[in-house]
């Protein structure tokens, strides 16, 4: 799969049922994704398989993810968020 096709698929997977997640993932795709290693990019794709309620609660800090890969991805995404 070409890089542009892969990126398009990931951007599509970032479109969620919650507007808040759409904002978070859109910002991450613009400001953090391209700096990830190939392994981290694969981990992000796997991370997106989680349910919207889980992703939202982890990213907002209401709950902590249960596996180490998801915990690291949450930290990485939160670290790239713009501060208002």
N, C-alpha and C. Protein backbone atom coordinates (compact mmCIF):
# COMPACT_ATOMS: atom_id res chain seq x y z
N UNK A 1 0.84 -1.17 0.00
CA UNK A 1 0.00 0.00 0.00
C UNK A 1 0.89 1.24 0.00
N UNK A 2 0.55 2.21 -0.83
CA UNK A 2 1.36 3.42 -0.89
C UNK A 2 1.17 4.25 0.38
N UNK A 3 2.12 5.12 0.63
CA UNK A 3 2.05 5.97 1.82
C UNK A 3 0.82 6.86 1.80
N UNK A 4 0.46 7.37 0.62
CA UNK A 4 -0.71 8.25 0.55
C UNK A 4 -2.00 7.49 0.82
N UNK A 5 -2.08 6.23 0.35
CA UNK A 5 -3.26 5.41 0.64
C UNK A 5 -3.33 5.07 2.13
N UNK A 6 -2.19 4.75 2.71
CA UNK A 6 -2.15 4.44 4.14
C UNK A 6 -2.59 5.64 4.96
N UNK A 7 -2.07 6.81 4.62
CA UNK A 7 -2.43 8.03 5.34
C UNK A 7 -3.92 8.33 5.19
N UNK A 8 -4.46 8.13 4.00
CA UNK A 8 -5.89 8.37 3.77
C UNK A 8 -6.74 7.42 4.62
N UNK A 9 -6.33 6.17 4.72
CA UNK A 9 -7.07 5.20 5.54
C UNK A 9 -7.03 5.58 7.02
N UNK A 10 -5.89 6.03 7.47
CA UNK A 10 -5.76 6.42 8.88
C UNK A 10 -6.60 7.66 9.16
N UNK A 11 -6.55 8.63 8.25
CA UNK A 11 -7.38 9.82 8.43
C UNK A 11 -8.87 9.45 8.47
N UNK A 12 -9.26 8.51 7.63
CA UNK A 12 -10.66 8.06 7.63
C UNK A 12 -10.99 7.39 8.97
N UNK A 13 -10.09 6.59 9.49
CA UNK A 13 -10.32 5.91 10.77
C UNK A 13 -10.38 6.91 11.92
N UNK A 14 -9.79 8.08 11.74
CA UNK A 14 -9.83 9.12 12.78
C UNK A 14 -11.19 9.81 12.85
N UNK A 15 -12.01 9.63 11.83
CA UNK A 15 -13.35 10.20 11.85
C UNK A 15 -14.20 9.34 12.77
N UNK A 16 -14.68 9.93 13.83
CA UNK A 16 -15.35 9.17 14.87
C UNK A 16 -16.80 9.62 15.03
N UNK A 17 -17.49 9.00 15.94
CA UNK A 17 -18.86 9.36 16.24
C UNK A 17 -18.98 10.48 17.25
N UNK A 18 -17.86 10.94 17.75
CA UNK A 18 -17.85 12.02 18.75
C UNK A 18 -17.04 13.19 18.20
N UNK A 19 -17.64 14.35 18.19
CA UNK A 19 -16.99 15.54 17.66
C UNK A 19 -15.69 15.84 18.39
N UNK A 20 -15.67 15.62 19.69
CA UNK A 20 -14.47 15.87 20.48
C UNK A 20 -13.30 15.03 20.00
N UNK A 21 -13.57 13.76 19.70
CA UNK A 21 -12.51 12.88 19.19
C UNK A 21 -12.07 13.31 17.80
N UNK A 22 -13.01 13.76 16.98
CA UNK A 22 -12.64 14.26 15.66
C UNK A 22 -11.64 15.41 15.78
N UNK A 23 -11.90 16.34 16.70
CA UNK A 23 -10.99 17.46 16.91
C UNK A 23 -9.62 16.98 17.39
N UNK A 24 -9.61 16.09 18.37
CA UNK A 24 -8.35 15.60 18.93
C UNK A 24 -7.54 14.88 17.87
N UNK A 25 -8.18 13.96 17.13
CA UNK A 25 -7.44 13.18 16.13
C UNK A 25 -7.03 14.02 14.93
N UNK A 26 -7.86 14.97 14.53
CA UNK A 26 -7.49 15.84 13.42
C UNK A 26 -6.26 16.66 13.80
N UNK A 27 -6.26 17.20 15.00
CA UNK A 27 -5.11 17.95 15.48
C UNK A 27 -3.87 17.07 15.54
N UNK A 28 -4.02 15.85 16.02
CA UNK A 28 -2.88 14.93 16.11
C UNK A 28 -2.35 14.59 14.72
N UNK A 29 -3.24 14.36 13.77
CA UNK A 29 -2.79 14.03 12.41
C UNK A 29 -2.02 15.20 11.80
N UNK A 30 -2.42 16.42 12.12
CA UNK A 30 -1.75 17.59 11.58
C UNK A 30 -0.45 17.92 12.30
N UNK A 31 -0.38 17.63 13.60
CA UNK A 31 0.74 18.11 14.40
C UNK A 31 1.64 17.05 15.02
N UNK A 32 1.28 15.79 14.93
CA UNK A 32 2.10 14.80 15.61
C UNK A 32 2.35 13.51 14.84
N UNK A 33 1.42 13.13 14.02
CA UNK A 33 1.50 11.81 13.39
C UNK A 33 2.74 11.63 12.54
N UNK A 34 3.08 12.60 11.75
CA UNK A 34 4.19 12.47 10.81
C UNK A 34 5.55 12.31 11.50
N UNK A 35 5.63 12.73 12.77
CA UNK A 35 6.88 12.59 13.51
C UNK A 35 7.03 11.21 14.15
N UNK A 36 6.00 10.38 14.06
CA UNK A 36 6.05 9.06 14.69
C UNK A 36 6.92 8.10 13.89
N UNK A 37 7.52 7.16 14.59
CA UNK A 37 8.24 6.08 13.91
C UNK A 37 7.22 5.15 13.26
N UNK A 38 7.67 4.27 12.41
CA UNK A 38 6.78 3.29 11.77
C UNK A 38 6.06 2.44 12.81
N UNK A 39 6.77 2.06 13.86
CA UNK A 39 6.18 1.24 14.92
C UNK A 39 5.09 2.03 15.64
N UNK A 40 5.36 3.30 15.93
CA UNK A 40 4.36 4.14 16.59
C UNK A 40 3.15 4.39 15.69
N UNK A 41 3.39 4.55 14.39
CA UNK A 41 2.27 4.72 13.46
C UNK A 41 1.38 3.48 13.44
N UNK A 42 2.00 2.31 13.45
CA UNK A 42 1.23 1.06 13.52
C UNK A 42 0.45 0.97 14.83
N UNK A 43 1.09 1.40 15.93
CA UNK A 43 0.41 1.39 17.23
C UNK A 43 -0.78 2.35 17.22
N UNK A 44 -0.65 3.47 16.54
CA UNK A 44 -1.76 4.42 16.44
C UNK A 44 -2.93 3.81 15.69
N UNK A 45 -2.64 3.11 14.60
CA UNK A 45 -3.71 2.44 13.86
C UNK A 45 -4.43 1.42 14.75
N UNK A 46 -3.69 0.67 15.52
CA UNK A 46 -4.28 -0.30 16.44
C UNK A 46 -5.08 0.42 17.52
N UNK A 47 -4.57 1.53 18.00
CA UNK A 47 -5.24 2.33 19.02
C UNK A 47 -6.62 2.76 18.55
N UNK A 48 -6.75 3.09 17.28
CA UNK A 48 -8.02 3.58 16.73
C UNK A 48 -9.11 2.52 16.71
N UNK A 49 -8.76 1.27 16.93
CA UNK A 49 -9.76 0.19 16.95
C UNK A 49 -10.61 0.25 18.22
N UNK A 50 -10.10 0.90 19.25
CA UNK A 50 -10.84 1.01 20.51
C UNK A 50 -12.14 1.77 20.31
N UNK A 51 -13.07 1.57 21.23
CA UNK A 51 -14.37 2.23 21.15
C UNK A 51 -14.25 3.73 21.44
N UNK A 52 -15.18 4.50 20.90
CA UNK A 52 -15.19 5.94 21.14
C UNK A 52 -15.26 6.28 22.63
N UNK A 53 -16.15 5.64 23.41
CA UNK A 53 -16.19 5.99 24.84
C UNK A 53 -14.86 5.73 25.56
N UNK A 54 -14.18 4.64 25.22
CA UNK A 54 -12.87 4.37 25.83
C UNK A 54 -11.86 5.42 25.41
N UNK A 55 -11.77 5.69 24.11
CA UNK A 55 -10.81 6.68 23.62
C UNK A 55 -11.06 8.04 24.27
N UNK A 56 -12.30 8.45 24.33
CA UNK A 56 -12.64 9.74 24.92
C UNK A 56 -12.24 9.80 26.39
N UNK A 57 -12.60 8.77 27.15
CA UNK A 57 -12.30 8.80 28.59
C UNK A 57 -10.79 8.75 28.84
N UNK A 58 -10.05 8.04 28.03
CA UNK A 58 -8.59 8.00 28.19
C UNK A 58 -7.97 9.34 27.83
N UNK A 59 -8.36 9.88 26.68
CA UNK A 59 -7.74 11.12 26.20
C UNK A 59 -8.11 12.33 27.06
N UNK A 60 -9.28 12.29 27.67
CA UNK A 60 -9.71 13.38 28.54
C UNK A 60 -9.21 13.20 29.97
N UNK A 61 -8.63 12.04 30.27
CA UNK A 61 -8.07 11.79 31.58
C UNK A 61 -9.06 11.31 32.62
N UNK A 62 -10.24 10.89 32.19
CA UNK A 62 -11.24 10.38 33.12
C UNK A 62 -10.90 8.97 33.60
N UNK A 63 -10.27 8.19 32.73
CA UNK A 63 -9.83 6.83 33.07
C UNK A 63 -8.48 6.60 32.41
N UNK A 64 -7.79 5.57 32.88
CA UNK A 64 -6.51 5.21 32.28
C UNK A 64 -6.69 3.94 31.45
N UNK A 65 -6.05 3.91 30.31
CA UNK A 65 -6.07 2.71 29.47
C UNK A 65 -5.48 1.54 30.25
N UNK A 66 -5.83 0.33 29.83
CA UNK A 66 -5.41 -0.85 30.60
C UNK A 66 -4.14 -1.51 30.07
N UNK A 67 -3.79 -1.28 28.80
CA UNK A 67 -2.55 -1.91 28.34
C UNK A 67 -1.50 -0.85 28.04
N UNK A 68 -0.27 -1.24 28.13
CA UNK A 68 0.86 -0.32 28.05
C UNK A 68 0.92 0.42 26.71
N UNK A 69 0.60 -0.26 25.62
CA UNK A 69 0.64 0.37 24.30
C UNK A 69 -0.37 1.51 24.22
N UNK A 70 -1.59 1.28 24.71
CA UNK A 70 -2.61 2.33 24.69
C UNK A 70 -2.25 3.47 25.63
N UNK A 71 -1.68 3.15 26.77
CA UNK A 71 -1.25 4.19 27.72
C UNK A 71 -0.21 5.10 27.06
N UNK A 72 0.76 4.51 26.39
CA UNK A 72 1.80 5.30 25.72
C UNK A 72 1.21 6.15 24.59
N UNK A 73 0.24 5.58 23.86
CA UNK A 73 -0.36 6.33 22.76
C UNK A 73 -1.17 7.52 23.29
N UNK A 74 -1.88 7.32 24.38
CA UNK A 74 -2.63 8.42 25.01
C UNK A 74 -1.66 9.52 25.41
N UNK A 75 -0.57 9.17 26.05
CA UNK A 75 0.43 10.16 26.47
C UNK A 75 0.99 10.90 25.27
N UNK A 76 1.27 10.17 24.20
CA UNK A 76 1.83 10.78 23.01
C UNK A 76 0.85 11.76 22.38
N UNK A 77 -0.40 11.36 22.24
CA UNK A 77 -1.42 12.23 21.65
C UNK A 77 -1.63 13.47 22.51
N UNK A 78 -1.74 13.26 23.81
CA UNK A 78 -1.97 14.40 24.72
C UNK A 78 -0.78 15.36 24.71
N UNK A 79 0.42 14.85 24.51
CA UNK A 79 1.61 15.72 24.50
C UNK A 79 1.68 16.60 23.26
N UNK A 80 0.97 16.23 22.20
CA UNK A 80 1.01 17.03 20.97
C UNK A 80 -0.14 18.02 20.86
N UNK A 81 -1.08 17.96 21.81
CA UNK A 81 -2.24 18.84 21.77
C UNK A 81 -1.85 20.29 22.01
N UNK A 82 -2.49 21.17 21.25
CA UNK A 82 -2.27 22.60 21.43
C UNK A 82 -2.83 23.01 22.79
N UNK A 83 -2.14 23.89 23.43
CA UNK A 83 -2.58 24.42 24.71
C UNK A 83 -3.29 25.75 24.46
N UNK A 84 -4.47 25.89 24.97
CA UNK A 84 -5.23 27.14 24.76
C UNK A 84 -5.19 27.99 25.99
